[in-house]
N, C-alpha and C. Protein backbone atom coordinates (compact mmCIF):
# COMPACT_ATOMS: atom_id res chain seq x y z
N MET A 1 0.76 -1.17 -0.01
CA MET A 1 -0.03 -0.14 -0.01
C MET A 1 0.88 1.26 0.13
N PHE A 2 1.86 1.31 0.94
CA PHE A 2 2.85 2.36 0.92
C PHE A 2 3.80 2.43 -0.12
N GLY A 3 3.98 3.53 -0.90
CA GLY A 3 5.03 3.48 -2.04
C GLY A 3 4.51 3.03 -3.19
N ARG A 4 3.33 2.62 -3.32
CA ARG A 4 2.85 2.14 -4.62
C ARG A 4 1.55 3.16 -4.93
N LYS A 5 1.52 3.38 -6.34
CA LYS A 5 0.39 4.32 -6.78
C LYS A 5 -0.91 3.45 -6.75
N HIS A 6 -1.94 3.98 -6.21
CA HIS A 6 -3.32 3.35 -6.13
C HIS A 6 -3.89 3.46 -7.60
N GLN A 7 -4.18 2.39 -8.25
CA GLN A 7 -4.85 2.59 -9.53
C GLN A 7 -6.15 2.36 -9.40
N GLU A 8 -6.87 3.25 -9.80
CA GLU A 8 -8.45 3.09 -9.81
C GLU A 8 -8.86 2.28 -10.94
N GLU A 9 -9.68 1.35 -10.73
CA GLU A 9 -10.18 0.58 -11.71
C GLU A 9 -11.67 0.94 -12.08
N ALA A 10 -11.97 0.99 -13.43
CA ALA A 10 -13.25 1.31 -13.88
C ALA A 10 -14.18 0.35 -13.40
N PRO A 11 -15.49 0.66 -12.93
CA PRO A 11 -16.40 -0.24 -12.71
C PRO A 11 -16.85 -1.34 -13.87
N PRO A 12 -17.13 -2.40 -13.57
CA PRO A 12 -17.52 -3.24 -14.72
C PRO A 12 -18.84 -2.58 -15.26
N ALA A 13 -18.92 -2.72 -16.61
CA ALA A 13 -20.21 -2.32 -17.33
C ALA A 13 -21.39 -3.14 -17.01
N VAL A 14 -22.48 -2.50 -16.66
CA VAL A 14 -23.73 -3.35 -16.51
C VAL A 14 -24.16 -3.82 -17.77
N THR A 15 -24.59 -5.26 -17.81
CA THR A 15 -25.18 -5.80 -19.02
C THR A 15 -26.29 -6.39 -19.00
N SER A 16 -27.04 -6.70 -20.01
CA SER A 16 -28.26 -7.45 -20.10
C SER A 16 -27.80 -8.78 -20.74
N MET A 17 -28.35 -9.82 -19.96
CA MET A 17 -27.96 -11.13 -20.60
C MET A 17 -29.28 -11.73 -21.23
N PHE A 18 -28.87 -12.51 -22.33
CA PHE A 18 -29.93 -13.10 -23.21
C PHE A 18 -29.48 -14.52 -23.71
N GLN A 19 -30.41 -15.39 -23.82
CA GLN A 19 -30.08 -16.65 -24.38
C GLN A 19 -31.09 -17.07 -25.66
N MET A 20 -30.38 -17.27 -26.62
CA MET A 20 -31.04 -17.68 -27.86
C MET A 20 -31.02 -19.08 -28.08
N ARG A 21 -32.26 -19.85 -28.13
CA ARG A 21 -32.22 -21.25 -28.40
C ARG A 21 -32.87 -21.43 -29.73
N GLN A 22 -32.36 -22.05 -30.66
CA GLN A 22 -32.99 -22.34 -32.01
C GLN A 22 -33.49 -23.83 -31.97
N LYS A 23 -34.63 -24.15 -32.19
CA LYS A 23 -35.20 -25.37 -32.32
C LYS A 23 -34.68 -26.00 -33.73
N MET A 24 -33.99 -27.01 -33.62
CA MET A 24 -33.42 -27.59 -34.91
C MET A 24 -34.46 -27.92 -35.95
N LEU A 25 -35.49 -28.43 -35.59
CA LEU A 25 -36.63 -29.01 -36.42
C LEU A 25 -37.85 -28.11 -36.66
N SER A 26 -37.58 -26.81 -36.27
CA SER A 26 -38.79 -25.88 -36.15
C SER A 26 -39.26 -25.60 -37.65
N ILE A 27 -40.49 -25.36 -37.95
CA ILE A 27 -40.95 -24.90 -39.09
C ILE A 27 -40.92 -23.33 -39.34
N GLY A 28 -39.98 -22.92 -40.42
CA GLY A 28 -39.86 -21.49 -40.52
C GLY A 28 -38.79 -20.92 -39.92
N ASP A 29 -37.91 -21.57 -39.08
CA ASP A 29 -36.91 -21.05 -38.14
C ASP A 29 -37.53 -20.00 -37.05
N ASP A 30 -38.60 -20.39 -36.49
CA ASP A 30 -39.13 -19.55 -35.54
C ASP A 30 -38.39 -20.12 -34.08
N TYR A 31 -38.07 -19.11 -33.18
CA TYR A 31 -37.55 -19.56 -31.92
C TYR A 31 -37.60 -18.28 -31.01
N TRP A 32 -37.57 -18.54 -29.71
CA TRP A 32 -37.70 -17.70 -28.52
C TRP A 32 -36.31 -17.08 -28.28
N ILE A 33 -36.09 -15.80 -27.75
CA ILE A 33 -34.88 -15.42 -27.04
C ILE A 33 -35.34 -15.14 -25.59
N GLU A 34 -34.55 -15.71 -24.77
CA GLU A 34 -35.09 -15.48 -23.28
C GLU A 34 -34.03 -14.51 -22.70
N ASN A 35 -34.63 -13.78 -21.64
CA ASN A 35 -33.82 -12.85 -20.88
C ASN A 35 -32.99 -13.58 -19.93
N GLY A 36 -32.11 -12.92 -19.01
CA GLY A 36 -31.36 -13.61 -18.08
C GLY A 36 -32.06 -14.45 -17.01
N VAL A 37 -33.14 -14.30 -16.99
CA VAL A 37 -34.04 -15.07 -15.76
C VAL A 37 -34.86 -16.19 -16.50
N GLY A 38 -34.80 -16.40 -17.83
CA GLY A 38 -35.57 -17.42 -18.42
C GLY A 38 -36.85 -17.22 -19.01
N GLN A 39 -37.15 -15.86 -19.00
CA GLN A 39 -38.40 -15.44 -19.55
C GLN A 39 -38.44 -14.99 -20.93
N LYS A 40 -39.47 -15.42 -21.78
CA LYS A 40 -39.45 -15.05 -23.19
C LYS A 40 -39.52 -13.60 -23.35
N ALA A 41 -38.41 -13.11 -24.08
CA ALA A 41 -38.38 -11.73 -24.23
C ALA A 41 -38.50 -11.25 -25.71
N PHE A 42 -38.04 -12.05 -26.66
CA PHE A 42 -38.30 -11.72 -28.05
C PHE A 42 -38.34 -12.98 -28.78
N HIS A 43 -39.11 -12.84 -29.89
CA HIS A 43 -39.48 -13.95 -30.77
C HIS A 43 -38.95 -13.59 -32.14
N VAL A 44 -38.27 -14.80 -32.73
CA VAL A 44 -37.77 -14.62 -34.02
C VAL A 44 -38.57 -15.49 -35.02
N ASN A 45 -39.21 -14.83 -35.81
CA ASN A 45 -40.36 -15.42 -36.68
C ASN A 45 -39.56 -15.50 -38.17
N GLY A 46 -39.18 -16.72 -38.32
CA GLY A 46 -38.56 -16.97 -39.81
C GLY A 46 -39.66 -17.14 -40.78
N LYS A 47 -39.52 -16.54 -41.93
CA LYS A 47 -40.56 -16.60 -42.86
C LYS A 47 -40.22 -17.68 -43.97
N LEU A 48 -41.13 -18.41 -44.36
CA LEU A 48 -40.96 -19.70 -45.23
C LEU A 48 -41.31 -19.15 -46.59
N LEU A 49 -40.72 -19.89 -47.70
CA LEU A 49 -41.08 -19.69 -49.00
C LEU A 49 -40.79 -18.25 -49.59
N ARG A 50 -39.59 -17.93 -49.21
CA ARG A 50 -39.11 -16.51 -49.68
C ARG A 50 -37.78 -16.78 -50.48
N LEU A 51 -37.74 -15.98 -51.62
CA LEU A 51 -36.48 -16.12 -52.36
C LEU A 51 -35.28 -15.75 -51.44
N ARG A 52 -35.40 -14.87 -50.70
CA ARG A 52 -34.20 -14.36 -49.60
C ARG A 52 -34.54 -14.85 -48.27
N LYS A 53 -33.63 -15.18 -47.41
CA LYS A 53 -33.99 -15.37 -46.12
C LYS A 53 -34.44 -14.19 -45.35
N THR A 54 -35.62 -14.29 -44.63
CA THR A 54 -36.29 -13.18 -43.99
C THR A 54 -36.53 -13.76 -42.49
N PHE A 55 -36.33 -12.69 -41.55
CA PHE A 55 -36.73 -12.95 -40.23
C PHE A 55 -37.46 -11.88 -39.62
N VAL A 56 -38.32 -11.88 -38.78
CA VAL A 56 -38.81 -10.78 -37.97
C VAL A 56 -38.70 -10.86 -36.71
N LEU A 57 -38.06 -9.92 -35.97
CA LEU A 57 -37.72 -9.84 -34.51
C LEU A 57 -39.00 -9.07 -33.97
N GLU A 58 -39.62 -9.89 -32.94
CA GLU A 58 -40.83 -9.41 -32.36
C GLU A 58 -40.59 -9.25 -30.94
N ASP A 59 -41.29 -8.45 -30.15
CA ASP A 59 -41.26 -8.47 -28.78
C ASP A 59 -42.15 -9.62 -28.35
N ALA A 60 -42.15 -9.80 -26.96
CA ALA A 60 -42.86 -11.08 -26.43
C ALA A 60 -44.41 -11.00 -26.61
N SER A 61 -44.95 -9.67 -26.93
CA SER A 61 -46.40 -9.64 -27.42
C SER A 61 -46.69 -9.90 -28.90
N GLY A 62 -45.73 -9.99 -29.53
CA GLY A 62 -45.82 -10.28 -31.03
C GLY A 62 -45.73 -9.01 -31.93
N HIS A 63 -45.30 -7.86 -31.38
CA HIS A 63 -45.26 -6.56 -32.26
C HIS A 63 -43.90 -6.68 -32.98
N GLU A 64 -43.91 -6.39 -34.21
CA GLU A 64 -42.73 -6.31 -34.88
C GLU A 64 -41.78 -5.22 -34.64
N LEU A 65 -40.50 -5.52 -34.29
CA LEU A 65 -39.49 -4.56 -33.87
C LEU A 65 -38.52 -4.36 -35.16
N LEU A 66 -38.14 -5.38 -35.73
CA LEU A 66 -37.16 -5.21 -36.88
C LEU A 66 -37.41 -6.31 -37.76
N ARG A 67 -37.09 -6.02 -38.98
CA ARG A 67 -37.26 -7.18 -40.20
C ARG A 67 -35.84 -7.37 -40.87
N ILE A 68 -35.34 -8.48 -40.81
CA ILE A 68 -34.12 -8.91 -41.35
C ILE A 68 -34.20 -9.68 -42.55
N HIS A 69 -33.62 -9.31 -43.63
CA HIS A 69 -33.54 -9.98 -44.82
C HIS A 69 -32.25 -10.02 -45.61
N SER A 70 -31.74 -11.14 -46.21
CA SER A 70 -30.63 -11.20 -46.95
C SER A 70 -30.72 -10.57 -48.15
N LYS A 71 -29.61 -9.96 -48.70
CA LYS A 71 -29.51 -9.33 -50.10
C LYS A 71 -29.14 -10.59 -50.95
N ILE A 72 -29.79 -10.62 -52.06
CA ILE A 72 -29.59 -11.71 -53.08
C ILE A 72 -28.56 -11.22 -54.10
N LEU A 73 -27.79 -12.12 -54.83
CA LEU A 73 -26.86 -11.73 -55.90
C LEU A 73 -25.71 -10.82 -55.46
N ARG A 74 -25.23 -11.04 -54.22
CA ARG A 74 -24.01 -10.26 -53.78
C ARG A 74 -22.72 -11.06 -53.87
N VAL A 75 -21.52 -10.40 -54.03
CA VAL A 75 -20.43 -11.02 -54.03
C VAL A 75 -20.06 -11.66 -52.49
N ARG A 76 -20.47 -10.81 -51.52
CA ARG A 76 -20.18 -11.28 -50.26
C ARG A 76 -21.60 -11.28 -49.54
N ASP A 77 -21.56 -12.26 -48.43
CA ASP A 77 -22.85 -12.22 -47.67
C ASP A 77 -23.32 -10.88 -47.11
N THR A 78 -24.68 -10.57 -47.38
CA THR A 78 -25.16 -9.36 -46.86
C THR A 78 -26.61 -9.49 -46.33
N PHE A 79 -26.88 -8.86 -45.26
CA PHE A 79 -28.09 -8.80 -44.60
C PHE A 79 -28.43 -7.29 -44.33
N VAL A 80 -29.74 -6.93 -44.40
CA VAL A 80 -30.26 -5.64 -43.96
C VAL A 80 -31.34 -5.89 -42.97
N ILE A 81 -31.26 -4.86 -42.08
CA ILE A 81 -32.16 -4.88 -40.99
C ILE A 81 -32.95 -3.62 -40.92
N ASP A 82 -34.22 -3.74 -41.09
CA ASP A 82 -34.99 -2.53 -41.10
C ASP A 82 -35.77 -2.35 -39.91
N ARG A 83 -36.08 -1.11 -39.47
CA ARG A 83 -37.06 -0.79 -38.33
C ARG A 83 -38.19 -0.03 -39.02
N GLY A 84 -39.25 -0.48 -39.12
CA GLY A 84 -40.33 0.13 -39.71
C GLY A 84 -39.91 0.34 -41.32
N GLU A 85 -40.01 1.50 -41.87
CA GLU A 85 -39.76 1.96 -43.06
C GLU A 85 -38.26 2.38 -43.33
N GLU A 86 -37.45 2.46 -42.02
CA GLU A 86 -36.16 2.94 -42.17
C GLU A 86 -35.18 1.87 -42.04
N ARG A 87 -33.95 1.95 -42.59
CA ARG A 87 -32.88 1.05 -42.67
C ARG A 87 -32.20 1.37 -41.30
N ALA A 88 -32.10 0.30 -40.46
CA ALA A 88 -31.36 0.43 -39.22
C ALA A 88 -29.99 -0.02 -39.36
N ALA A 89 -29.61 -1.14 -40.23
CA ALA A 89 -28.33 -1.52 -40.32
C ALA A 89 -28.07 -2.33 -41.59
N THR A 90 -26.86 -2.44 -42.13
CA THR A 90 -26.46 -3.39 -43.22
C THR A 90 -25.34 -4.13 -42.62
N LEU A 91 -25.40 -5.36 -42.84
CA LEU A 91 -24.24 -6.25 -42.30
C LEU A 91 -23.60 -6.91 -43.50
N HIS A 92 -22.38 -6.85 -43.60
CA HIS A 92 -21.43 -7.44 -44.77
C HIS A 92 -20.40 -8.32 -43.98
N LYS A 93 -20.25 -9.58 -44.64
CA LYS A 93 -19.30 -10.40 -44.18
C LYS A 93 -17.95 -10.02 -45.00
N SER A 94 -16.74 -9.83 -44.18
CA SER A 94 -15.47 -9.54 -44.74
C SER A 94 -15.18 -10.87 -45.65
N LEU A 95 -14.42 -10.52 -46.81
CA LEU A 95 -14.01 -11.51 -47.71
C LEU A 95 -12.53 -12.01 -47.42
N ILE A 96 -11.86 -11.38 -46.57
CA ILE A 96 -10.52 -11.55 -46.25
C ILE A 96 -10.32 -12.11 -44.94
N GLY A 97 -9.38 -13.04 -44.63
CA GLY A 97 -9.00 -13.39 -43.30
C GLY A 97 -9.53 -14.74 -42.96
N PHE A 98 -8.69 -15.29 -41.96
CA PHE A 98 -9.15 -16.60 -41.51
C PHE A 98 -10.22 -16.55 -40.39
N ARG A 99 -10.42 -15.45 -39.70
CA ARG A 99 -11.34 -15.31 -38.71
C ARG A 99 -12.59 -14.67 -39.33
N ASP A 100 -13.64 -15.08 -38.88
CA ASP A 100 -14.96 -14.42 -39.32
C ASP A 100 -14.92 -12.88 -38.98
N ARG A 101 -15.19 -11.96 -39.72
CA ARG A 101 -15.23 -10.46 -39.38
C ARG A 101 -16.36 -10.06 -40.24
N PHE A 102 -17.23 -9.00 -39.51
CA PHE A 102 -18.43 -8.52 -40.15
C PHE A 102 -18.27 -7.08 -39.90
N ALA A 103 -18.70 -6.20 -40.91
CA ALA A 103 -19.01 -4.77 -40.72
C ALA A 103 -20.45 -4.41 -40.77
N ILE A 104 -20.77 -3.62 -39.73
CA ILE A 104 -22.19 -3.30 -39.54
C ILE A 104 -22.37 -1.98 -39.82
N ASP A 105 -23.03 -1.31 -41.01
CA ASP A 105 -23.19 0.07 -41.24
C ASP A 105 -24.56 0.53 -40.67
N LEU A 106 -24.42 1.44 -39.76
CA LEU A 106 -25.58 1.99 -39.17
C LEU A 106 -26.10 3.31 -39.83
N GLY A 107 -25.68 3.51 -40.97
CA GLY A 107 -25.90 4.85 -41.56
C GLY A 107 -25.36 6.10 -40.83
N ASP A 108 -26.28 7.11 -40.47
CA ASP A 108 -25.74 8.28 -39.73
C ASP A 108 -25.30 7.90 -38.48
N ALA A 109 -25.47 6.71 -37.79
CA ALA A 109 -25.10 6.30 -36.54
C ALA A 109 -23.88 5.82 -36.42
N GLY A 110 -23.11 5.72 -37.65
CA GLY A 110 -21.73 5.29 -37.56
C GLY A 110 -21.63 3.68 -37.94
N GLU A 111 -20.66 2.94 -37.42
CA GLU A 111 -20.44 1.56 -37.88
C GLU A 111 -19.98 0.67 -36.60
N LEU A 112 -20.43 -0.61 -36.64
CA LEU A 112 -20.00 -1.54 -35.71
C LEU A 112 -19.22 -2.49 -36.35
N HIS A 113 -18.55 -3.37 -35.54
CA HIS A 113 -17.57 -4.47 -36.17
C HIS A 113 -17.87 -5.74 -35.37
N ALA A 114 -18.23 -6.75 -35.96
CA ALA A 114 -18.22 -8.20 -35.20
C ALA A 114 -17.00 -8.89 -35.76
N HIS A 115 -16.40 -9.53 -34.66
CA HIS A 115 -15.19 -10.16 -35.03
C HIS A 115 -15.13 -11.38 -33.93
N GLY A 116 -14.51 -12.62 -34.47
CA GLY A 116 -14.43 -13.75 -33.70
C GLY A 116 -13.98 -15.06 -34.41
N ASP A 117 -13.87 -16.09 -33.71
CA ASP A 117 -13.43 -17.34 -34.34
C ASP A 117 -14.55 -18.21 -34.38
N ILE A 118 -14.95 -18.61 -35.58
CA ILE A 118 -16.07 -19.65 -35.83
C ILE A 118 -15.82 -20.86 -35.17
N LEU A 119 -14.52 -21.32 -35.20
CA LEU A 119 -14.21 -22.62 -34.60
C LEU A 119 -14.48 -22.63 -33.02
N GLU A 120 -14.12 -21.50 -32.49
CA GLU A 120 -14.37 -21.35 -31.03
C GLU A 120 -15.71 -21.15 -30.75
N HIS A 121 -16.61 -20.66 -31.56
CA HIS A 121 -18.00 -20.20 -31.39
C HIS A 121 -18.26 -19.06 -30.48
N GLU A 122 -17.22 -17.96 -30.45
CA GLU A 122 -17.48 -16.96 -29.72
C GLU A 122 -16.97 -15.80 -30.66
N TYR A 123 -17.74 -14.57 -30.31
CA TYR A 123 -17.31 -13.38 -31.05
C TYR A 123 -17.84 -12.12 -30.14
N SER A 124 -17.38 -10.94 -30.61
CA SER A 124 -17.92 -9.77 -29.88
C SER A 124 -18.33 -8.86 -31.04
N ILE A 125 -19.10 -7.68 -30.51
CA ILE A 125 -19.51 -6.76 -31.38
C ILE A 125 -18.99 -5.32 -30.65
N SER A 126 -18.24 -4.54 -31.59
CA SER A 126 -17.67 -3.49 -30.97
C SER A 126 -17.97 -2.23 -31.70
N ARG A 127 -17.91 -1.09 -30.82
CA ARG A 127 -18.11 0.32 -31.53
C ARG A 127 -16.77 1.02 -31.19
N ASP A 128 -16.07 1.51 -32.21
CA ASP A 128 -14.86 2.39 -31.92
C ASP A 128 -13.67 1.61 -30.99
N GLY A 129 -13.73 0.24 -31.28
CA GLY A 129 -12.78 -0.62 -30.44
C GLY A 129 -13.16 -0.87 -29.08
N THR A 130 -14.32 -0.58 -28.79
CA THR A 130 -14.96 -0.98 -27.33
C THR A 130 -16.08 -2.09 -27.75
N ASP A 131 -15.95 -3.16 -27.01
CA ASP A 131 -16.87 -4.15 -27.15
C ASP A 131 -18.39 -3.82 -26.50
N ILE A 132 -19.23 -3.83 -27.15
CA ILE A 132 -20.70 -3.48 -26.65
C ILE A 132 -21.71 -4.68 -26.51
N ALA A 133 -21.27 -5.93 -26.98
CA ALA A 133 -21.74 -7.16 -26.85
C ALA A 133 -21.00 -8.31 -27.07
N GLN A 134 -21.06 -9.41 -26.28
CA GLN A 134 -20.26 -10.65 -26.36
C GLN A 134 -21.29 -11.74 -26.52
N ILE A 135 -20.83 -12.57 -27.53
CA ILE A 135 -21.63 -13.70 -27.80
C ILE A 135 -20.88 -15.03 -27.66
N ASN A 136 -21.34 -15.89 -26.88
CA ASN A 136 -20.72 -17.13 -26.66
C ASN A 136 -21.63 -18.24 -26.88
N LYS A 137 -21.14 -19.19 -27.87
CA LYS A 137 -22.14 -20.27 -28.31
C LYS A 137 -21.60 -21.55 -27.80
N HIS A 138 -22.60 -22.29 -27.09
CA HIS A 138 -22.24 -23.67 -26.66
C HIS A 138 -23.11 -24.66 -27.48
N TRP A 139 -22.59 -25.82 -27.87
CA TRP A 139 -23.39 -26.73 -28.45
C TRP A 139 -24.01 -27.57 -27.24
N MET A 140 -25.20 -27.80 -27.52
CA MET A 140 -25.79 -28.73 -26.65
C MET A 140 -26.44 -30.01 -27.33
N ARG A 141 -27.06 -30.95 -26.55
CA ARG A 141 -27.38 -32.25 -27.27
C ARG A 141 -28.52 -31.94 -28.30
N VAL A 142 -29.57 -31.28 -28.11
CA VAL A 142 -30.67 -31.33 -28.93
C VAL A 142 -30.85 -29.95 -29.73
N ARG A 143 -30.31 -28.95 -29.04
CA ARG A 143 -30.38 -27.61 -29.79
C ARG A 143 -29.23 -26.59 -29.40
N ASP A 144 -29.14 -25.77 -30.35
CA ASP A 144 -27.98 -24.68 -30.15
C ASP A 144 -28.38 -23.59 -28.98
N THR A 145 -27.36 -23.30 -28.27
CA THR A 145 -27.80 -22.25 -27.25
C THR A 145 -26.66 -21.10 -27.47
N TYR A 146 -27.10 -20.01 -27.40
CA TYR A 146 -26.19 -18.67 -27.63
C TYR A 146 -26.26 -17.79 -26.44
N GLY A 147 -25.42 -17.55 -25.72
CA GLY A 147 -25.41 -16.61 -24.78
C GLY A 147 -25.04 -15.13 -25.21
N VAL A 148 -25.89 -14.25 -25.03
CA VAL A 148 -25.42 -12.91 -25.44
C VAL A 148 -25.66 -11.94 -24.32
N SER A 149 -24.34 -11.18 -24.14
CA SER A 149 -24.34 -10.25 -23.23
C SER A 149 -24.22 -8.93 -23.72
N ILE A 150 -25.11 -7.93 -23.37
CA ILE A 150 -25.21 -6.57 -24.12
C ILE A 150 -25.03 -5.32 -23.17
N VAL A 151 -24.10 -4.56 -23.24
CA VAL A 151 -23.87 -3.32 -22.44
C VAL A 151 -25.06 -2.45 -22.29
N GLN A 152 -25.44 -2.05 -21.12
CA GLN A 152 -26.41 -1.26 -20.81
C GLN A 152 -26.46 -0.06 -21.74
N GLY A 153 -27.53 0.40 -22.27
CA GLY A 153 -27.80 1.63 -22.97
C GLY A 153 -27.68 1.40 -24.44
N GLU A 154 -27.26 0.29 -24.86
CA GLU A 154 -27.18 -0.12 -26.39
C GLU A 154 -28.58 -0.50 -26.73
N ASP A 155 -28.61 -0.61 -28.06
CA ASP A 155 -29.99 -0.97 -28.63
C ASP A 155 -30.10 -2.52 -28.68
N VAL A 156 -30.78 -2.96 -27.65
CA VAL A 156 -30.85 -4.43 -27.59
C VAL A 156 -31.47 -5.19 -28.87
N PRO A 157 -32.54 -4.84 -29.26
CA PRO A 157 -33.20 -5.43 -30.45
C PRO A 157 -32.14 -5.50 -31.62
N LEU A 158 -31.60 -4.33 -31.89
CA LEU A 158 -30.63 -4.23 -32.90
C LEU A 158 -29.62 -5.21 -32.87
N LEU A 159 -28.92 -5.14 -31.65
CA LEU A 159 -27.79 -6.06 -31.53
C LEU A 159 -28.27 -7.69 -31.68
N LEU A 160 -29.34 -8.03 -31.18
CA LEU A 160 -29.93 -9.34 -31.14
C LEU A 160 -30.11 -9.72 -32.68
N ALA A 161 -30.60 -8.81 -33.48
CA ALA A 161 -30.76 -8.91 -34.89
C ALA A 161 -29.48 -9.18 -35.71
N ILE A 162 -28.41 -8.54 -35.19
CA ILE A 162 -27.06 -8.68 -35.78
C ILE A 162 -26.55 -9.97 -35.42
N VAL A 163 -26.94 -10.55 -34.28
CA VAL A 163 -26.55 -11.93 -33.95
C VAL A 163 -27.15 -12.79 -34.76
N ILE A 164 -28.43 -12.71 -35.11
CA ILE A 164 -29.30 -13.60 -35.90
C ILE A 164 -28.69 -13.58 -37.30
N CYS A 165 -28.24 -12.49 -37.86
CA CYS A 165 -27.57 -12.45 -39.22
C CYS A 165 -26.30 -13.05 -39.27
N ILE A 166 -25.39 -12.82 -38.13
CA ILE A 166 -24.16 -13.58 -38.19
C ILE A 166 -24.27 -15.08 -38.12
N ASP A 167 -25.30 -15.53 -37.23
CA ASP A 167 -25.41 -16.81 -37.12
C ASP A 167 -26.01 -17.57 -38.39
N THR A 168 -26.87 -16.70 -39.19
CA THR A 168 -27.47 -17.17 -40.36
C THR A 168 -26.30 -17.44 -41.41
N ILE A 169 -25.49 -16.45 -41.59
CA ILE A 169 -24.34 -16.47 -42.65
C ILE A 169 -23.40 -17.53 -42.20
N SER A 170 -23.19 -17.82 -40.93
CA SER A 170 -22.19 -18.74 -40.52
C SER A 170 -22.67 -20.19 -40.67
N HIS A 171 -23.91 -20.41 -40.65
CA HIS A 171 -24.45 -21.69 -40.74
C HIS A 171 -25.69 -21.62 -41.86
N GLU A 172 -25.12 -21.50 -42.97
CA GLU A 172 -26.00 -21.42 -44.11
C GLU A 172 -26.71 -22.87 -44.36
N HIS A 173 -26.14 -23.96 -43.88
CA HIS A 173 -26.36 -25.19 -44.16
C HIS A 173 -27.87 -25.67 -43.37
N ARG A 174 -28.30 -24.64 -42.44
CA ARG A 174 -29.65 -25.11 -41.69
C ARG A 174 -30.77 -24.60 -42.60
């Protein structure tokens, strides 16, 4: 204590925890996203019989929050996320590198980056070099489970939609 400088540590960021469980044999890729205490918080409604992959992120009451769809005929995998009539984000997979990297264009709100190792099934989403979401994927016997930790004050539905896009691109065989 004496003779040493006391270094103040920043308090840990408060986060919201979510768990995404996708049913492997579900019709239309529908599944629930649960909050940290196991309550159904968001519903992912996968749309069938579409030329492009389409998902709707709904709140627990069934109200549409975001619409997610792939762009067809692109050199690199691309998804767009719309909030109502406005474009909330466009996600592109990087063409270069051994690790998965994604750029997320938020229009006037800037850009996010997602990076990680597909073999380790974990990645993070960052803004200006600071992680705002951590995703950790654990394989389970019957279904996939994804743990998502989001820093307080961030756009939770948008970040969950980004996770859906990354998972869809990374597991196209589903």
